[in-house]
């Protein structure tokens, strides 16, 4: 337990840095841009325009 309390800042830094890198990689995956573009246009659609 002493190890965890002594190194909590480093462990937190590594965890959140890994989370940030994973999130950035997930956002920029091929094929994601069309999905996010569609999500961004949801507020602009009229009722019934979303049917394909």
Protein backbone atom coordinates (compact mmCIF):
# COMPACT_ATOMS: atom_id res chain seq x y z
CA UNK A 1 0.00 0.00 0.00
CA UNK A 2 2.94 2.33 0.58
CA UNK A 3 4.00 1.94 -3.05
CA UNK A 4 0.58 3.08 -4.24
CA UNK A 5 0.48 6.16 -2.04
CA UNK A 6 4.06 7.15 -2.84
CA UNK A 7 3.63 6.81 -6.61
CA UNK A 8 -0.01 7.90 -7.00
CA UNK A 9 0.91 10.98 -9.05
CA UNK A 10 2.99 9.01 -11.54
CA UNK A 11 0.37 6.26 -11.78
CA UNK A 12 -2.35 8.86 -12.39
CA UNK A 13 -0.24 10.63 -14.99
CA UNK A 14 0.41 7.41 -16.90
CA UNK A 15 -3.25 6.36 -16.68
CA UNK A 16 -4.65 9.65 -17.96
CA UNK A 17 -1.96 10.01 -20.63
CA UNK A 18 -2.84 6.53 -21.91
CA UNK A 19 -6.54 7.39 -21.82
CA UNK A 20 -5.89 10.61 -23.75
CA UNK A 21 -3.81 8.83 -26.40
CA UNK A 22 -6.45 6.12 -26.75
CA UNK A 23 -9.20 8.70 -27.14
CA UNK A 24 -7.26 10.58 -29.81
CA UNK A 25 -6.56 7.33 -31.68
CA UNK A 26 -10.26 6.36 -31.51
CA UNK A 27 -11.38 9.74 -32.86
CA UNK A 28 -8.99 9.65 -35.80
CA UNK A 29 -9.60 6.05 -36.85
CA UNK A 30 -10.40 5.64 -40.55
CA UNK A 31 -14.14 5.84 -41.09
CA UNK A 32 -14.81 7.91 -37.99
CA UNK A 33 -15.01 11.22 -39.84
CA UNK A 34 -18.24 10.30 -41.68
CA UNK A 35 -19.84 9.11 -38.45
CA UNK A 36 -18.89 12.28 -36.58
CA UNK A 37 -20.01 14.46 -39.50
CA UNK A 38 -23.41 12.74 -39.39
CA UNK A 39 -23.58 13.24 -35.62
CA UNK A 40 -22.73 16.92 -36.04
CA UNK A 41 -25.60 17.44 -38.48
CA UNK A 42 -28.26 15.96 -36.19
CA UNK A 43 -29.41 19.33 -34.79
CA UNK A 44 -29.79 20.72 -38.32
CA UNK A 45 -32.06 17.95 -39.60
CA UNK A 46 -35.79 18.39 -39.90
CA UNK A 47 -38.16 15.76 -38.55
CA UNK A 48 -38.20 12.98 -41.12
CA UNK A 49 -34.94 13.94 -42.90
CA UNK A 50 -33.08 11.27 -40.99
CA UNK A 51 -34.75 8.41 -42.87
CA UNK A 52 -32.44 6.77 -45.41
